[in-house]
Amino acid sequence: MHFGLTGEQEMIVKTVRDFVETEIYPHENEVERTGFVPPELGREIARKCREIGFFGCNFPEEVGGAGLDHMSFTLVERELGRGSMALTVFFGRPSGILMACEGDQREKYLLPSVRGDKFDALAITEPDAGSDMRGMKCFARRDGDDWIVNGTKHFISHADIADFVIVFVATGEEETPHGPKKLITCFLVDRDTPGFEIREGYSSVSHRGYRNCILTFDECRLPPTQVLGDVHKGFDIANQWLYGTRLTVAATCVGRARRAFDYALNQAAGRKQFGRPIGANQGVSFKLADMITEIDAADLLTLSAAWRLDQGLPSNREIASAKLFATEMLARVTDEAVQIFGGMGLMDDLPLARFWRDARVERIWDGTSEIQRHIISRELLRPLGA
């Protein structure tokens, strides 16, 4: 692995960081205060993202994307992690699973999403089925050629701005040596489909303005053209296209940690107590040393996993390690940044309290820390027959 960035990658980092500082930072306080992003502001961010050529940058050039490799796209996500998710969501990165679209689905969903004409949301989690996809109760039954869907999804990020939702639904059962297991199918569901409703979700302390929603299906009829991939093969399509979401979480955590660290470093160098900068005290300087060491370690784990993907190497354990370490690192770094600022660290005058609160959800979504540890240990033990 080559540790230096190419000239193109350095340009990507600079362009996205400048965008975040110019177009995202100025609106963060208002979004934090109101928990709301005005639709016109979201459209403006998306428009400016298209202008600099980064909308859909995670998609190949043949479908209108920028064709970034995994390493370069991870750098994009790392820089976006510095800004409010409620705002950076409009810096369009459609779900990679849309590459599974075929036939008319490409014109209706894939290409408009890459152009920025449509926004998607991904729906898997249910009230009784989080990490255990096989436990989902949202079910679709056959009615002729159509499917009738009933059930509920929740914690569905940014579904409030989505034109359509990519939904994983149980469509049957299969017998296995460990008992019956549900078969899962992926569907594309337009916002205005009869029997489908997107409702406001829960009030979260993390990422204010970045809404989670509740989706309800009540005898929602879907024609076979809305099936993404093959019937009963939802796990296959998820495993093929959704592995990168954990890497995205790791990358954004690194970016946010570096922003928090910059605040802490400047405070340690600039604030004086007892006649000298507080950073001259070992109790503060050692915090900075530990913080930057953890940030750099998380950064390298994340970039290494992205590099492995680009080389076509097995990366499941490495992605899990990056997600686990980076999310837990962010919790420690933001907590120490607040400590270095003392009481001011908890005031709304600074974004540190927001970083601290936002950090908490990172260890939960896209696979909890416990799930990541399960993945890592399983990958280590299986080759040994354990």
Protein backbone atom coordinates (compact mmCIF):
# COMPACT_ATOMS: atom_id res chain seq x y z
CA MET A 1 0.00 0.00 0.00
CA HIS A 2 1.33 3.42 -0.97
CA PHE A 3 0.68 5.86 1.87
CA GLY A 4 0.96 9.09 -0.10
CA LEU A 5 -1.98 10.60 -1.96
CA THR A 6 -1.82 11.15 -5.70
CA GLY A 7 -2.16 14.64 -7.10
CA GLU A 8 -5.74 13.87 -8.07
CA GLN A 9 -6.56 12.61 -4.58
CA GLU A 10 -5.06 15.72 -2.99
CA MET A 11 -7.26 17.80 -5.30
CA ILE A 12 -10.31 15.77 -4.23
CA VAL A 13 -9.55 16.36 -0.55
CA LYS A 14 -9.04 20.09 -1.05
CA THR A 15 -12.15 20.52 -3.21
CA VAL A 16 -14.46 18.69 -0.82
CA ARG A 17 -12.99 20.32 2.29
CA ASP A 18 -13.38 23.77 0.74
CA PHE A 19 -16.97 22.90 -0.16
CA VAL A 20 -17.76 21.79 3.38
CA GLU A 21 -16.19 24.87 4.94
CA THR A 22 -17.90 27.25 2.49
CA GLU A 23 -21.30 25.66 1.89
CA ILE A 24 -21.94 23.58 5.02
CA TYR A 25 -20.32 25.24 8.06
CA PRO A 26 -22.25 28.55 7.77
CA HIS A 27 -25.62 26.76 8.12
CA GLU A 28 -24.77 24.29 10.88
CA ASN A 29 -25.79 26.37 13.88
CA GLU A 30 -29.24 27.11 12.47
CA VAL A 31 -29.84 23.46 11.60
CA GLU A 32 -28.70 22.47 15.09
CA ARG A 33 -31.06 25.02 16.63
CA THR A 34 -34.13 24.14 14.56
CA GLY A 35 -33.49 20.50 13.71
CA PHE A 36 -34.59 21.33 10.18
CA VAL A 37 -33.02 21.94 6.76
CA PRO A 38 -35.09 24.23 4.52
CA PRO A 39 -35.81 22.40 1.24
CA GLU A 40 -34.43 25.28 -0.81
CA LEU A 41 -31.12 25.05 1.07
CA GLY A 42 -30.89 21.33 0.39
CA ARG A 43 -31.55 21.88 -3.30
CA GLU A 44 -28.89 24.60 -3.40
CA ILE A 45 -26.27 22.32 -1.83
CA ALA A 46 -27.15 19.58 -4.35
CA ARG A 47 -26.93 22.07 -7.22
CA LYS A 48 -23.49 23.27 -6.14
CA CYS A 49 -22.34 19.68 -5.70
CA ARG A 50 -23.34 19.00 -9.30
CA GLU A 51 -21.49 22.12 -10.43
CA ILE A 52 -18.18 20.87 -9.06
CA GLY A 53 -18.78 17.42 -10.60
CA PHE A 54 -19.10 15.42 -7.39
CA PHE A 55 -22.76 14.38 -7.39
CA GLY A 56 -22.87 10.60 -7.69
CA CYS A 57 -19.07 10.49 -7.57
CA ASN A 58 -19.27 6.94 -6.17
CA PHE A 59 -20.75 5.67 -9.46
CA PRO A 60 -18.86 4.65 -12.62
CA GLU A 61 -18.50 7.04 -15.52
CA GLU A 62 -20.65 4.90 -17.83
CA VAL A 63 -23.74 5.80 -15.80
CA GLY A 64 -22.79 9.46 -15.33
CA GLY A 65 -20.76 9.29 -12.12
CA ALA A 66 -17.20 10.47 -11.51
CA GLY A 67 -15.89 6.91 -11.37
CA LEU A 68 -13.90 7.32 -8.17
CA ASP A 69 -12.21 4.23 -6.81
CA HIS A 70 -12.85 3.14 -3.23
CA MET A 71 -9.81 4.95 -1.86
CA SER A 72 -10.75 8.27 -3.47
CA PHE A 73 -14.40 7.97 -2.47
CA THR A 74 -13.35 7.22 1.11
CA LEU A 75 -11.38 10.47 1.08
CA VAL A 76 -14.54 12.28 -0.05
CA GLU A 77 -16.52 10.76 2.82
CA ARG A 78 -13.77 11.62 5.30
CA GLU A 79 -13.98 15.30 4.37
CA LEU A 80 -17.77 15.30 4.40
CA GLY A 81 -17.58 13.89 7.92
CA ARG A 82 -16.38 17.30 9.10
CA GLY A 83 -19.80 18.80 8.37
CA SER A 84 -23.37 18.37 9.61
CA MET A 85 -24.91 15.20 8.18
CA ALA A 86 -28.24 16.98 7.83
CA LEU A 87 -26.56 19.17 5.22
CA THR A 88 -23.94 16.89 3.67
CA VAL A 89 -26.64 14.36 2.77
CA PHE A 90 -27.43 16.68 -0.14
CA PHE A 91 -23.86 16.20 -1.40
CA GLY A 92 -25.31 13.33 -3.37
CA ARG A 93 -23.95 9.83 -2.90
CA PRO A 94 -26.78 7.51 -3.98
CA SER A 95 -26.81 3.96 -2.65
CA GLY A 96 -24.44 1.76 -4.64
CA ILE A 97 -27.08 -0.96 -4.69
CA LEU A 98 -28.75 0.95 -7.54
CA MET A 99 -26.07 -0.49 -9.82
CA ALA A 100 -28.19 -3.66 -9.67
CA CYS A 101 -30.94 -1.88 -11.64
CA GLU A 102 -31.80 -3.53 -14.93
CA GLY A 103 -33.84 -2.57 -17.98
CA ASP A 104 -36.30 0.27 -17.36
CA GLN A 105 -35.14 0.52 -13.74
CA ARG A 106 -31.96 2.17 -14.96
CA GLU A 107 -33.87 5.03 -16.61
CA LYS A 108 -36.37 5.35 -13.78
CA TYR A 109 -34.09 5.06 -10.75
CA LEU A 110 -30.37 4.65 -11.40
CA LEU A 111 -29.63 7.42 -13.89
CA PRO A 112 -31.87 10.10 -12.27
CA SER A 113 -30.23 9.35 -8.90
CA VAL A 114 -26.73 9.77 -10.30
CA ARG A 115 -27.76 13.02 -12.03
CA GLY A 116 -29.29 14.37 -8.82
CA ASP A 117 -32.85 14.43 -10.16
CA LYS A 118 -33.96 11.91 -7.52
CA PHE A 119 -32.94 10.99 -3.98
CA ASP A 120 -33.10 7.47 -2.56
CA ALA A 121 -33.26 6.03 0.95
CA LEU A 122 -32.40 2.53 2.14
CA ALA A 123 -34.87 0.66 4.38
CA ILE A 124 -33.86 -2.49 6.28
CA THR A 125 -34.32 -1.93 10.02
CA GLU A 126 -37.58 -2.75 11.80
CA PRO A 127 -38.73 -2.35 15.41
CA ASP A 128 -37.96 -6.04 16.08
CA ALA A 129 -35.27 -6.60 13.47
CA GLY A 130 -32.09 -4.54 13.57
CA SER A 131 -28.87 -6.49 13.11
CA ASP A 132 -30.89 -9.68 12.52
CA MET A 133 -32.25 -9.21 9.01
CA ARG A 134 -33.76 -12.70 9.11
CA GLY A 135 -36.02 -11.52 11.94
CA MET A 136 -37.86 -8.94 9.84
CA LYS A 137 -41.64 -9.08 9.93
CA CYS A 138 -42.36 -6.76 7.00
CA PHE A 139 -43.66 -9.32 4.52
CA ALA A 140 -44.71 -9.46 0.88
CA ARG A 141 -47.06 -12.11 -0.46
CA ARG A 142 -47.76 -13.03 -4.06
CA ASP A 143 -51.00 -11.91 -5.71
CA GLY A 144 -50.77 -13.05 -9.30
CA ASP A 145 -47.63 -11.44 -10.68
CA ASP A 146 -47.75 -8.64 -8.10
CA TRP A 147 -46.52 -8.46 -4.53
CA ILE A 148 -48.61 -7.16 -1.60
CA VAL A 149 -46.46 -5.67 1.16
CA ASN A 150 -47.49 -5.19 4.79
CA GLY A 151 -45.39 -4.11 7.74
CA THR A 152 -43.26 -1.36 9.22
CA LYS A 153 -39.69 -0.10 8.92
CA HIS A 154 -38.12 2.44 11.26
CA PHE A 155 -34.89 4.39 11.77
CA ILE A 156 -34.85 4.99 7.99
CA SER A 157 -32.37 7.81 7.44
CA HIS A 158 -33.35 10.77 5.24
CA ALA A 159 -36.47 9.07 3.89
CA ASP A 160 -38.14 12.46 4.38
CA ILE A 161 -36.28 13.79 1.32
CA ALA A 162 -36.39 10.57 -0.72
CA ASP A 163 -38.26 10.23 -4.00
CA PHE A 164 -38.14 6.45 -3.67
CA VAL A 165 -37.03 3.89 -1.10
CA ILE A 166 -34.97 0.73 -1.52
CA VAL A 167 -36.74 -1.74 0.79
CA PHE A 168 -35.77 -5.21 1.96
CA VAL A 169 -38.81 -7.38 2.70
CA ALA A 170 -39.38 -11.02 3.70
CA THR A 171 -40.96 -12.97 0.83
CA GLY A 172 -40.88 -16.55 2.03
CA GLU A 173 -39.02 -19.14 4.09
CA GLU A 174 -36.46 -21.83 3.43
CA GLU A 175 -35.52 -24.87 5.48
CA THR A 176 -31.92 -24.99 6.69
CA PRO A 177 -30.00 -27.33 9.04
CA HIS A 178 -30.58 -24.68 11.71
CA GLY A 179 -34.32 -24.44 11.14
CA PRO A 180 -36.50 -22.26 8.88
CA LYS A 181 -35.06 -18.95 7.71
CA LYS A 182 -36.77 -16.12 5.92
CA LEU A 183 -36.07 -15.35 2.29
CA ILE A 184 -35.50 -11.67 1.60
CA THR A 185 -36.27 -9.68 -1.55
CA CYS A 186 -35.33 -6.09 -2.40
CA PHE A 187 -37.95 -3.72 -3.85
CA LEU A 188 -37.92 -0.20 -5.28
CA VAL A 189 -40.90 1.73 -3.89
CA ASP A 190 -41.90 5.19 -5.13
CA ARG A 191 -42.90 7.74 -2.55
CA ASP A 192 -46.44 8.14 -3.89
CA THR A 193 -47.22 4.41 -4.12
CA PRO A 194 -50.72 3.66 -2.71
CA GLY A 195 -50.52 1.86 0.62
CA PHE A 196 -47.05 3.24 1.36
CA GLU A 197 -46.49 6.05 3.86
CA ILE A 198 -43.39 7.86 5.08
CA ARG A 199 -43.90 9.32 8.56
CA GLU A 200 -41.74 11.40 10.83
CA GLY A 201 -39.59 9.25 13.09
CA TYR A 202 -38.12 9.73 16.53
CA SER A 203 -36.38 12.76 17.98
CA SER A 204 -32.68 11.88 18.22
CA VAL A 205 -29.90 13.56 20.19
CA SER A 206 -27.45 12.69 17.39
CA HIS A 207 -27.27 14.49 14.04
CA ARG A 208 -30.12 16.93 14.50
CA GLY A 209 -31.83 17.77 11.23
CA TYR A 210 -30.78 14.44 9.72
CA ARG A 211 -34.18 12.83 10.01
CA ASN A 212 -35.01 9.21 10.68
CA CYS A 213 -38.43 8.09 9.46
CA ILE A 214 -41.01 5.37 9.95
CA LEU A 215 -42.28 3.58 6.84
CA THR A 216 -45.59 1.77 6.83
CA PHE A 217 -46.92 -0.63 4.21
CA ASP A 218 -50.64 -1.40 4.24
CA GLU A 219 -51.66 -3.75 1.42
CA CYS A 220 -49.11 -1.94 -0.75
CA ARG A 221 -49.21 -3.47 -4.22
CA LEU A 222 -45.95 -3.66 -6.18
CA PRO A 223 -45.62 -5.02 -9.72
CA PRO A 224 -42.72 -7.40 -10.50
CA THR A 225 -40.89 -4.55 -12.24
CA GLN A 226 -40.19 -3.10 -8.77
CA VAL A 227 -38.08 -6.07 -7.68
CA LEU A 228 -34.39 -5.12 -7.53
CA GLY A 229 -32.24 -8.13 -8.35
CA ASP A 230 -33.75 -11.59 -8.07
CA VAL A 231 -36.70 -12.69 -5.94
CA HIS A 232 -35.59 -14.18 -2.60
CA LYS A 233 -31.99 -13.04 -3.24
CA GLY A 234 -31.98 -9.89 -1.11
CA PHE A 235 -29.02 -11.11 0.94
CA ASP A 236 -26.98 -11.61 -2.20
CA ILE A 237 -27.64 -8.12 -3.47
CA ALA A 238 -27.00 -6.60 -0.04
CA ASN A 239 -23.68 -8.44 0.35
CA GLN A 240 -22.60 -7.38 -3.14
CA TRP A 241 -23.37 -3.67 -2.88
CA LEU A 242 -23.81 -2.57 0.74
CA TYR A 243 -20.46 -3.50 2.27
CA GLY A 244 -19.23 0.08 1.73
CA THR A 245 -21.67 1.66 4.17
CA ARG A 246 -19.58 0.59 7.17
CA LEU A 247 -16.50 2.07 5.53
CA THR A 248 -18.38 5.33 5.02
CA VAL A 249 -19.19 5.48 8.73
CA ALA A 250 -15.52 4.93 9.60
CA ALA A 251 -14.39 7.63 7.19
CA THR A 252 -16.86 10.25 8.39
CA CYS A 253 -15.87 9.54 11.98
CA VAL A 254 -12.24 10.23 11.13
CA GLY A 255 -13.14 13.54 9.50
CA ARG A 256 -15.27 14.64 12.46
CA ALA A 257 -12.57 13.60 14.93
CA ARG A 258 -9.97 15.70 13.11
CA ARG A 259 -12.24 18.73 13.27
CA ALA A 260 -12.80 18.21 17.01
CA PHE A 261 -9.06 17.74 17.49
CA ASP A 262 -8.28 21.01 15.70
CA TYR A 263 -10.50 22.84 18.19
CA ALA A 264 -8.83 21.10 21.13
CA LEU A 265 -5.30 21.74 19.84
CA ASN A 266 -5.91 25.45 19.31
CA GLN A 267 -7.51 25.72 22.74
CA ALA A 268 -4.56 23.97 24.36
CA ALA A 269 -2.11 26.32 22.65
CA GLY A 270 -4.10 29.52 23.14
CA ARG A 271 -5.76 29.36 26.54
CA LYS A 272 -3.58 30.33 29.49
CA GLN A 273 -3.95 29.30 33.11
CA PHE A 274 -1.43 30.06 35.84
CA GLY A 275 0.61 32.11 33.38
CA ARG A 276 1.17 29.54 30.62
CA PRO A 277 -0.80 27.70 27.89
CA ILE A 278 -2.80 24.80 29.25
CA GLY A 279 -1.15 22.59 26.63
CA ALA A 280 2.13 22.99 28.53
CA ASN A 281 0.60 20.91 31.30
CA GLN A 282 1.18 17.22 30.95
CA GLY A 283 -2.45 16.47 31.82
CA VAL A 284 -3.52 18.25 28.60
CA SER A 285 -0.56 17.57 26.32
CA PHE A 286 -0.82 13.81 26.85
CA LYS A 287 -4.51 13.96 25.95
CA LEU A 288 -3.53 15.56 22.62
CA ALA A 289 -0.91 12.90 22.02
CA ASP A 290 -3.40 10.10 22.62
CA MET A 291 -6.07 11.78 20.52
CA ILE A 292 -3.95 12.27 17.42
CA THR A 293 -2.50 8.76 17.71
CA GLU A 294 -5.99 7.25 17.73
CA ILE A 295 -7.18 9.46 14.88
CA ASP A 296 -4.21 8.52 12.71
CA ALA A 297 -4.69 4.84 13.52
CA ALA A 298 -8.37 4.99 12.57
CA ASP A 299 -7.51 6.88 9.39
CA LEU A 300 -4.98 4.26 8.32
CA LEU A 301 -7.33 1.37 9.13
CA THR A 302 -10.01 3.01 7.01
CA LEU A 303 -7.79 3.83 4.04
CA SER A 304 -6.21 0.39 4.20
CA ALA A 305 -9.63 -1.26 3.95
CA ALA A 306 -10.51 0.96 0.99
CA TRP A 307 -7.21 0.07 -0.67
CA ARG A 308 -7.95 -3.64 -0.25
CA LEU A 309 -11.30 -3.18 -1.97
CA ASP A 310 -9.54 -1.50 -4.90
CA GLN A 311 -7.13 -4.45 -5.11
CA GLY A 312 -9.98 -6.94 -5.13
CA LEU A 313 -8.78 -8.45 -1.85
CA PRO A 314 -11.05 -9.85 0.89
CA SER A 315 -11.98 -6.88 3.05
CA ASN A 316 -14.85 -7.85 5.32
CA ARG A 317 -12.76 -8.11 8.49
CA GLU A 318 -10.74 -5.01 7.66
CA ILE A 319 -13.88 -2.92 7.07
CA ALA A 320 -15.35 -4.17 10.34
CA SER A 321 -12.12 -3.29 12.16
CA ALA A 322 -12.13 0.20 10.68
CA LYS A 323 -15.78 0.78 11.58
CA LEU A 324 -15.30 -0.54 15.11
CA PHE A 325 -12.14 1.40 15.90
CA ALA A 326 -13.09 4.67 14.20
CA THR A 327 -16.51 4.93 15.86
CA GLU A 328 -15.16 4.16 19.32
CA MET A 329 -12.20 6.48 18.69
CA LEU A 330 -14.58 9.34 17.86
CA ALA A 331 -16.36 8.89 21.18
CA ARG A 332 -13.08 9.17 23.08
CA VAL A 333 -11.72 12.08 21.05
CA THR A 334 -14.86 14.21 21.30
CA ASP A 335 -15.08 13.52 25.02
CA GLU A 336 -11.48 14.63 25.55
CA ALA A 337 -12.02 17.71 23.38
CA VAL A 338 -14.90 18.73 25.63
CA GLN A 339 -12.68 18.11 28.67
CA ILE A 340 -9.92 20.35 27.32
CA PHE A 341 -12.42 23.18 26.87
CA GLY A 342 -13.96 22.60 30.28
CA GLY A 343 -17.39 24.13 30.79
CA MET A 344 -17.29 25.96 27.46
CA GLY A 345 -17.05 22.63 25.70
CA LEU A 346 -20.67 21.96 26.62
CA MET A 347 -22.01 25.31 25.47
CA ASP A 348 -23.78 25.88 22.16
CA ASP A 349 -21.25 28.60 21.29
CA LEU A 350 -18.97 25.80 20.09
CA PRO A 351 -19.80 22.68 18.02
CA LEU A 352 -18.03 20.33 20.44
CA ALA A 353 -21.16 19.36 22.38
CA ARG A 354 -22.77 18.53 19.02
CA PHE A 355 -19.79 16.39 17.99
CA TRP A 356 -19.98 14.63 21.36
CA ARG A 357 -23.69 13.84 20.97
CA ASP A 358 -23.38 12.94 17.30
CA ALA A 359 -20.62 10.45 18.09
CA ARG A 360 -22.93 8.22 20.10
CA VAL A 361 -24.99 6.88 17.21
CA GLU A 362 -21.94 5.87 15.17
CA ARG A 363 -21.40 2.80 17.39
CA ILE A 364 -24.96 1.67 16.69
CA TRP A 365 -26.00 2.19 13.09
CA ASP A 366 -24.65 0.23 10.13
CA GLY A 367 -23.84 -2.57 12.54
CA THR A 368 -23.20 -2.09 16.25
CA SER A 369 -19.74 -2.38 17.77
CA GLU A 370 -20.78 -5.81 19.00
CA ILE A 371 -21.71 -6.91 15.48
CA GLN A 372 -18.35 -5.66 14.17
CA ARG A 373 -16.54 -7.68 16.85
CA HIS A 374 -18.60 -10.70 15.83
CA ILE A 375 -17.59 -10.25 12.18
CA ILE A 376 -13.92 -9.85 13.08
CA SER A 377 -13.77 -12.86 15.39
CA ARG A 378 -15.75 -15.02 12.95
CA GLU A 379 -13.33 -14.20 10.14
CA LEU A 380 -10.43 -15.18 12.39
CA LEU A 381 -11.90 -18.42 13.73
CA ARG A 382 -13.67 -19.90 10.71
CA PRO A 383 -10.47 -20.82 8.81
CA LEU A 384 -9.44 -22.80 11.88
CA GLY A 385 -12.72 -24.70 11.98
CA ALA A 386 -13.96 -22.97 15.13
